[in-house]
N, C-alpha and C. Protein backbone atom coordinates (compact mmCIF):
# COMPACT_ATOMS: atom_id res chain seq x y z
N MET A 1 1.41 9.11 -1.00
CA MET A 1 0.50 8.10 -0.42
C MET A 1 -0.53 7.67 -1.45
N LEU A 2 -1.05 8.62 -2.17
CA LEU A 2 -2.07 8.28 -3.16
C LEU A 2 -1.47 7.44 -4.29
N LYS A 3 -0.21 7.73 -4.62
CA LYS A 3 0.42 6.99 -5.71
C LYS A 3 0.56 5.51 -5.37
N TRP A 4 1.05 5.22 -4.15
CA TRP A 4 1.28 3.81 -3.80
C TRP A 4 -0.05 3.08 -3.69
N ARG A 5 -1.14 3.81 -3.38
CA ARG A 5 -2.46 3.17 -3.33
C ARG A 5 -2.83 2.67 -4.71
N ARG A 6 -2.58 3.46 -5.71
CA ARG A 6 -2.94 3.08 -7.07
C ARG A 6 -2.09 1.90 -7.56
N HIS A 7 -0.85 1.85 -7.10
CA HIS A 7 0.05 0.80 -7.54
C HIS A 7 -0.28 -0.55 -6.91
N SER A 8 -1.00 -0.53 -5.79
CA SER A 8 -1.30 -1.78 -5.09
C SER A 8 -2.22 -2.65 -5.93
N CYS A 9 -1.90 -3.93 -6.07
CA CYS A 9 -2.73 -4.84 -6.84
C CYS A 9 -3.98 -5.23 -6.05
N GLN A 10 -3.80 -5.43 -4.76
CA GLN A 10 -4.93 -5.85 -3.93
C GLN A 10 -5.81 -4.66 -3.57
N GLU A 11 -7.09 -4.95 -3.37
CA GLU A 11 -8.01 -3.87 -3.00
C GLU A 11 -7.81 -3.53 -1.52
N ILE A 12 -7.55 -2.26 -1.24
CA ILE A 12 -7.29 -1.85 0.14
C ILE A 12 -8.33 -0.81 0.57
N SER A 13 -8.92 -1.02 1.71
CA SER A 13 -9.90 -0.06 2.23
C SER A 13 -9.17 1.08 2.93
N ASP A 14 -9.82 2.22 3.03
CA ASP A 14 -9.19 3.37 3.68
C ASP A 14 -8.82 3.05 5.12
N SER A 15 -9.65 2.26 5.78
CA SER A 15 -9.37 1.90 7.18
C SER A 15 -8.05 1.14 7.28
N GLN A 16 -7.84 0.19 6.37
CA GLN A 16 -6.59 -0.58 6.39
C GLN A 16 -5.42 0.33 6.05
N LEU A 17 -5.64 1.23 5.10
CA LEU A 17 -4.57 2.14 4.72
C LEU A 17 -4.09 2.94 5.92
N THR A 18 -5.01 3.44 6.69
CA THR A 18 -4.64 4.25 7.86
C THR A 18 -3.70 3.46 8.77
N THR A 19 -3.98 2.19 8.94
CA THR A 19 -3.14 1.35 9.79
C THR A 19 -1.77 1.15 9.15
N VAL A 20 -1.77 0.94 7.86
CA VAL A 20 -0.52 0.67 7.15
C VAL A 20 0.35 1.92 7.02
N LEU A 21 -0.30 3.08 7.07
CA LEU A 21 0.43 4.33 6.84
C LEU A 21 1.45 4.65 7.92
N SER A 22 1.62 3.78 8.90
CA SER A 22 2.57 4.05 9.98
C SER A 22 4.01 3.97 9.47
N GLU A 23 4.55 2.75 9.36
CA GLU A 23 5.95 2.62 8.93
C GLU A 23 6.10 1.63 7.77
N ASN A 24 5.08 0.78 7.60
CA ASN A 24 5.19 -0.28 6.59
C ASN A 24 4.73 0.18 5.20
N VAL A 25 4.45 1.44 5.05
CA VAL A 25 3.94 1.92 3.76
C VAL A 25 4.95 1.66 2.65
N GLN A 26 6.15 2.15 2.84
CA GLN A 26 7.17 2.00 1.80
C GLN A 26 7.48 0.53 1.56
N GLU A 27 7.60 -0.25 2.64
CA GLU A 27 7.95 -1.66 2.49
C GLU A 27 6.85 -2.41 1.74
N ARG A 28 5.60 -2.20 2.16
CA ARG A 28 4.50 -2.93 1.52
C ARG A 28 4.28 -2.45 0.10
N SER A 29 4.44 -1.17 -0.14
CA SER A 29 4.26 -0.65 -1.49
C SER A 29 5.28 -1.29 -2.43
N ALA A 30 6.51 -1.45 -1.95
CA ALA A 30 7.56 -2.07 -2.75
C ALA A 30 7.23 -3.54 -2.99
N SER A 31 6.75 -4.21 -1.97
CA SER A 31 6.42 -5.64 -2.10
C SER A 31 5.30 -5.83 -3.10
N ARG A 32 4.26 -5.02 -3.00
CA ARG A 32 3.14 -5.15 -3.91
C ARG A 32 3.54 -4.77 -5.33
N ALA A 33 4.45 -3.84 -5.46
CA ALA A 33 4.93 -3.46 -6.78
C ALA A 33 5.62 -4.65 -7.43
N ASP A 34 6.36 -5.41 -6.63
CA ASP A 34 7.05 -6.59 -7.16
C ASP A 34 6.03 -7.66 -7.57
N GLU A 35 4.96 -7.79 -6.77
CA GLU A 35 3.95 -8.79 -7.08
C GLU A 35 3.25 -8.47 -8.39
N CYS A 36 3.07 -7.17 -8.67
CA CYS A 36 2.41 -6.76 -9.90
C CYS A 36 3.28 -7.17 -11.08
């Protein structure tokens, strides 16, 4: 979880992370990795 946070280009607050940590973590982390 901490790794994908660092890879994200956009600034993400802990509150938003908690919401994202459900099922879209892997999907969004991959998408943001592509954007980078």
